[in-house]
Amino acid sequence: MKRGSETSTKKGYNYPVGPILLGFFVFVVIGSSLFQIIRTAIHGGMA
């Protein structure tokens, strides 16, 4: 299976950061905001 090398060679976008790193960044941002929402909800407030 040479699919991995093929997809890495012909990318539509030429960003130095890979899709894995981008997904991780999005996960961290959304996860932190979600954690803050859950924490405020547990501490009793939509304040």
PDB file of N, CA and C in Angstrom:
ATOM      1  N   MET A   1       0.846  -1.205   0.000  1.00  0.00           N
ATOM      2  CA  MET A   1       0.000   0.000   0.000  1.00  0.00           C
ATOM      3  C   MET A   1       0.878   1.250   0.000  1.00  0.00           C
ATOM      4  N   LYS A   2       0.882   1.950  -1.103  1.00  0.00           N
ATOM      5  CA  LYS A   2       1.682   3.165  -1.202  1.00  0.00           C
ATOM      6  C   LYS A   2       0.805   4.400  -1.094  1.00  0.00           C
ATOM      7  N   ARG A   3      -0.319   4.285  -0.401  1.00  0.00           N
ATOM      8  CA  ARG A   3      -1.248   5.407  -0.361  1.00  0.00           C
ATOM      9  C   ARG A   3      -0.693   6.564   0.454  1.00  0.00           C
ATOM     10  N   GLY A   4       0.034   6.278   1.517  1.00  0.00           N
ATOM     11  CA  GLY A   4       0.537   7.333   2.386  1.00  0.00           C
ATOM     12  C   GLY A   4       1.493   8.264   1.656  1.00  0.00           C
ATOM     13  N   SER A   5       2.438   7.668   0.871  1.00  0.00           N
ATOM     14  CA  SER A   5       3.405   8.492   0.159  1.00  0.00           C
ATOM     15  C   SER A   5       2.724   9.277  -0.953  1.00  0.00           C
ATOM     16  N   GLU A   6       1.711   8.674  -1.551  1.00  0.00           N
ATOM     17  CA  GLU A   6       0.992   9.358  -2.626  1.00  0.00           C
ATOM     18  C   GLU A   6       0.278  10.594  -2.109  1.00  0.00           C
ATOM     19  N   THR A   7      -0.439  10.454  -1.004  1.00  0.00           N
ATOM     20  CA  THR A   7      -1.207  11.581  -0.477  1.00  0.00           C
ATOM     21  C   THR A   7      -0.272  12.677   0.037  1.00  0.00           C
ATOM     22  N   SER A   8       0.899  12.303   0.564  1.00  0.00           N
ATOM     23  CA  SER A   8       1.816  13.309   1.083  1.00  0.00           C
ATOM     24  C   SER A   8       2.500  14.056  -0.065  1.00  0.00           C
ATOM     25  N   THR A   9       2.608  13.408  -1.228  1.00  0.00           N
ATOM     26  CA  THR A   9       3.254  14.054  -2.369  1.00  0.00           C
ATOM     27  C   THR A   9       2.332  15.063  -3.018  1.00  0.00           C
ATOM     28  N   LYS A  10       1.097  14.666  -3.267  1.00  0.00           N
ATOM     29  CA  LYS A  10       0.170  15.567  -3.942  1.00  0.00           C
ATOM     30  C   LYS A  10      -0.850  16.134  -2.958  1.00  0.00           C
ATOM     31  N   LYS A  11      -0.443  17.206  -2.281  1.00  0.00           N
ATOM     32  CA  LYS A  11      -1.363  17.885  -1.371  1.00  0.00           C
ATOM     33  C   LYS A  11      -1.909  19.122  -2.066  1.00  0.00           C
ATOM     34  N   GLY A  12      -3.179  19.409  -1.835  1.00  0.00           N
ATOM     35  CA  GLY A  12      -3.793  20.584  -2.442  1.00  0.00           C
ATOM     36  C   GLY A  12      -3.306  21.852  -1.760  1.00  0.00           C
ATOM     37  N   TYR A  13      -2.876  21.722  -0.505  1.00  0.00           N
ATOM     38  CA  TYR A  13      -2.394  22.873   0.241  1.00  0.00           C
ATOM     39  C   TYR A  13      -0.965  22.592   0.672  1.00  0.00           C
ATOM     40  N   ASN A  14      -0.134  23.606   0.628  1.00  0.00           N
ATOM     41  CA  ASN A  14       1.271  23.405   0.990  1.00  0.00           C
ATOM     42  C   ASN A  14       1.594  24.120   2.297  1.00  0.00           C
ATOM     43  N   TYR A  15       0.929  23.702   3.361  1.00  0.00           N
ATOM     44  CA  TYR A  15       1.250  24.241   4.677  1.00  0.00           C
ATOM     45  C   TYR A  15       2.334  23.382   5.308  1.00  0.00           C
ATOM     46  N   PRO A  16       3.262  23.993   6.038  1.00  0.00           N
ATOM     47  CA  PRO A  16       4.316  23.229   6.714  1.00  0.00           C
ATOM     48  C   PRO A  16       3.769  22.362   7.845  1.00  0.00           C
ATOM     49  N   VAL A  17       2.633  22.780   8.418  1.00  0.00           N
ATOM     50  CA  VAL A  17       2.022  21.980   9.479  1.00  0.00           C
ATOM     51  C   VAL A  17       1.126  20.916   8.870  1.00  0.00           C
ATOM     52  N   GLY A  18       1.208  19.710   9.400  1.00  0.00           N
ATOM     53  CA  GLY A  18       0.402  18.615   8.880  1.00  0.00           C
ATOM     54  C   GLY A  18      -1.016  18.682   9.407  1.00  0.00           C
ATOM     55  N   PRO A  19      -1.906  17.906   8.807  1.00  0.00           N
ATOM     56  CA  PRO A  19      -3.301  17.855   9.250  1.00  0.00           C
ATOM     57  C   PRO A  19      -3.435  17.306  10.665  1.00  0.00           C
ATOM     58  N   ILE A  20      -2.465  16.504  11.090  1.00  0.00           N
ATOM     59  CA  ILE A  20      -2.482  15.951  12.447  1.00  0.00           C
ATOM     60  C   ILE A  20      -2.235  17.061  13.463  1.00  0.00           C
ATOM     61  N   LEU A  21      -1.252  17.916  13.172  1.00  0.00           N
ATOM     62  CA  LEU A  21      -0.932  19.015  14.071  1.00  0.00           C
ATOM     63  C   LEU A  21      -2.063  20.024  14.097  1.00  0.00           C
ATOM     64  N   LEU A  22      -2.677  20.243  12.935  1.00  0.00           N
ATOM     65  CA  LEU A  22      -3.802  21.168  12.842  1.00  0.00           C
ATOM     66  C   LEU A  22      -4.986  20.639  13.642  1.00  0.00           C
ATOM     67  N   GLY A  23      -5.251  19.343  13.521  1.00  0.00           N
ATOM     68  CA  GLY A  23      -6.336  18.722  14.263  1.00  0.00           C
ATOM     69  C   GLY A  23      -6.082  18.767  15.762  1.00  0.00           C
ATOM     70  N   PHE A  24      -4.805  18.614  16.140  1.00  0.00           N
ATOM     71  CA  PHE A  24      -4.447  18.672  17.550  1.00  0.00           C
ATOM     72  C   PHE A  24      -4.663  20.072  18.111  1.00  0.00           C
ATOM     73  N   PHE A  25      -4.326  21.082  17.306  1.00  0.00           N
ATOM     74  CA  PHE A  25      -4.509  22.471  17.723  1.00  0.00           C
ATOM     75  C   PHE A  25      -5.980  22.798  17.911  1.00  0.00           C
ATOM     76  N   VAL A  26      -6.802  22.343  16.972  1.00  0.00           N
ATOM     77  CA  VAL A  26      -8.247  22.559  17.056  1.00  0.00           C
ATOM     78  C   VAL A  26      -8.809  21.825  18.272  1.00  0.00           C
ATOM     79  N   PHE A  27      -8.284  20.607  18.524  1.00  0.00           N
ATOM     80  CA  PHE A  27      -8.730  19.825  19.670  1.00  0.00           C
ATOM     81  C   PHE A  27      -8.403  20.527  20.987  1.00  0.00           C
ATOM     82  N   VAL A  28      -7.227  21.128  21.058  1.00  0.00           N
ATOM     83  CA  VAL A  28      -6.815  21.834  22.273  1.00  0.00           C
ATOM     84  C   VAL A  28      -7.681  23.069  22.516  1.00  0.00           C
ATOM     85  N   VAL A  29      -7.931  23.829  21.446  1.00  0.00           N
ATOM     86  CA  VAL A  29      -8.729  25.050  21.584  1.00  0.00           C
ATOM     87  C   VAL A  29     -10.162  24.727  21.992  1.00  0.00           C
ATOM     88  N   ILE A  30     -10.788  23.798  21.267  1.00  0.00           N
ATOM     89  CA  ILE A  30     -12.166  23.416  21.561  1.00  0.00           C
ATOM     90  C   ILE A  30     -12.252  22.719  22.917  1.00  0.00           C
ATOM     91  N   GLY A  31     -11.279  21.885  23.217  1.00  0.00           N
ATOM     92  CA  GLY A  31     -11.265  21.158  24.475  1.00  0.00           C
ATOM     93  C   GLY A  31     -11.142  22.085  25.674  1.00  0.00           C
ATOM     94  N   SER A  32     -10.306  23.116  25.550  1.00  0.00           N
ATOM     95  CA  SER A  32     -10.122  24.053  26.660  1.00  0.00           C
ATOM     96  C   SER A  32     -11.376  24.882  26.899  1.00  0.00           C
ATOM     97  N   SER A  33     -12.002  25.325  25.817  1.00  0.00           N
ATOM     98  CA  SER A  33     -13.233  26.108  25.955  1.00  0.00           C
ATOM     99  C   SER A  33     -14.358  25.234  26.501  1.00  0.00           C
ATOM    100  N   LEU A  34     -14.405  23.991  26.038  1.00  0.00           N
ATOM    101  CA  LEU A  34     -15.425  23.056  26.508  1.00  0.00           C
ATOM    102  C   LEU A  34     -15.212  22.760  27.988  1.00  0.00           C
ATOM    103  N   PHE A  35     -13.948  22.626  28.394  1.00  0.00           N
ATOM    104  CA  PHE A  35     -13.623  22.368  29.789  1.00  0.00           C
ATOM    105  C   PHE A  35     -14.040  23.542  30.669  1.00  0.00           C
ATOM    106  N   GLN A  36     -13.854  24.749  30.162  1.00  0.00           N
ATOM    107  CA  GLN A  36     -14.246  25.940  30.921  1.00  0.00           C
ATOM    108  C   GLN A  36     -15.758  26.001  31.071  1.00  0.00           C
ATOM    109  N   ILE A  37     -16.487  25.663  30.019  1.00  0.00           N
ATOM    110  CA  ILE A  37     -17.952  25.655  30.059  1.00  0.00           C
ATOM    111  C   ILE A  37     -18.446  24.618  31.072  1.00  0.00           C
ATOM    112  N   ILE A  38     -17.855  23.430  31.041  1.00  0.00           N
ATOM    113  CA  ILE A  38     -18.242  22.363  31.965  1.00  0.00           C
ATOM    114  C   ILE A  38     -17.909  22.768  33.405  1.00  0.00           C
ATOM    115  N   ARG A  39     -16.754  23.394  33.593  1.00  0.00           N
ATOM    116  CA  ARG A  39     -16.335  23.791  34.930  1.00  0.00           C
ATOM    117  C   ARG A  39     -17.258  24.855  35.501  1.00  0.00           C
ATOM    118  N   THR A  40     -17.652  25.828  34.696  1.00  0.00           N
ATOM    119  CA  THR A  40     -18.568  26.870  35.173  1.00  0.00           C
ATOM    120  C   THR A  40     -19.949  26.290  35.422  1.00  0.00           C
ATOM    121  N   ALA A  41     -20.347  25.309  34.626  1.00  0.00           N
ATOM    122  CA  ALA A  41     -21.652  24.677  34.806  1.00  0.00           C
ATOM    123  C   ALA A  41     -21.681  23.878  36.109  1.00  0.00           C
ATOM    124  N   ILE A  42     -20.573  23.219  36.435  1.00  0.00           N
ATOM    125  CA  ILE A  42     -20.485  22.448  37.671  1.00  0.00           C
ATOM    126  C   ILE A  42     -20.460  23.390  38.872  1.00  0.00           C
ATOM    127  N   HIS A  43     -19.778  24.501  38.768  1.00  0.00           N
ATOM    128  CA  HIS A  43     -19.668  25.435  39.877  1.00  0.00           C
ATOM    129  C   HIS A  43     -20.915  26.266  40.060  1.00  0.00           C
ATOM    130  N   GLY A  44     -21.905  26.037  39.274  1.00  0.00           N
ATOM    131  CA  GLY A  44     -23.205  26.536  39.579  1.00  0.00           C
ATOM    132  C   GLY A  44     -23.567  27.750  38.843  1.00  0.00           C
ATOM    133  N   GLY A  45     -23.103  27.906  37.635  1.00  0.00           N
ATOM    134  CA  GLY A  45     -23.617  29.124  37.172  1.00  0.00           C
ATOM    135  C   GLY A  45     -23.664  29.265  35.699  1.00  0.00           C
ATOM    136  N   MET A  46     -24.728  29.803  35.233  1.00  0.00           N
ATOM    137  CA  MET A  46     -24.686  30.387  33.921  1.00  0.00           C
ATOM    138  C   MET A  46     -24.463  31.854  34.197  1.00  0.00           C
ATOM    139  N   ALA A  47     -23.422  32.190  34.886  1.00  0.00           N
ATOM    140  CA  ALA A  47     -23.217  33.584  35.259  1.00  0.00           C
ATOM    141  C   ALA A  47     -22.058  34.129  34.451  1.00  0.00           C
TER     142      ALA A  47
END
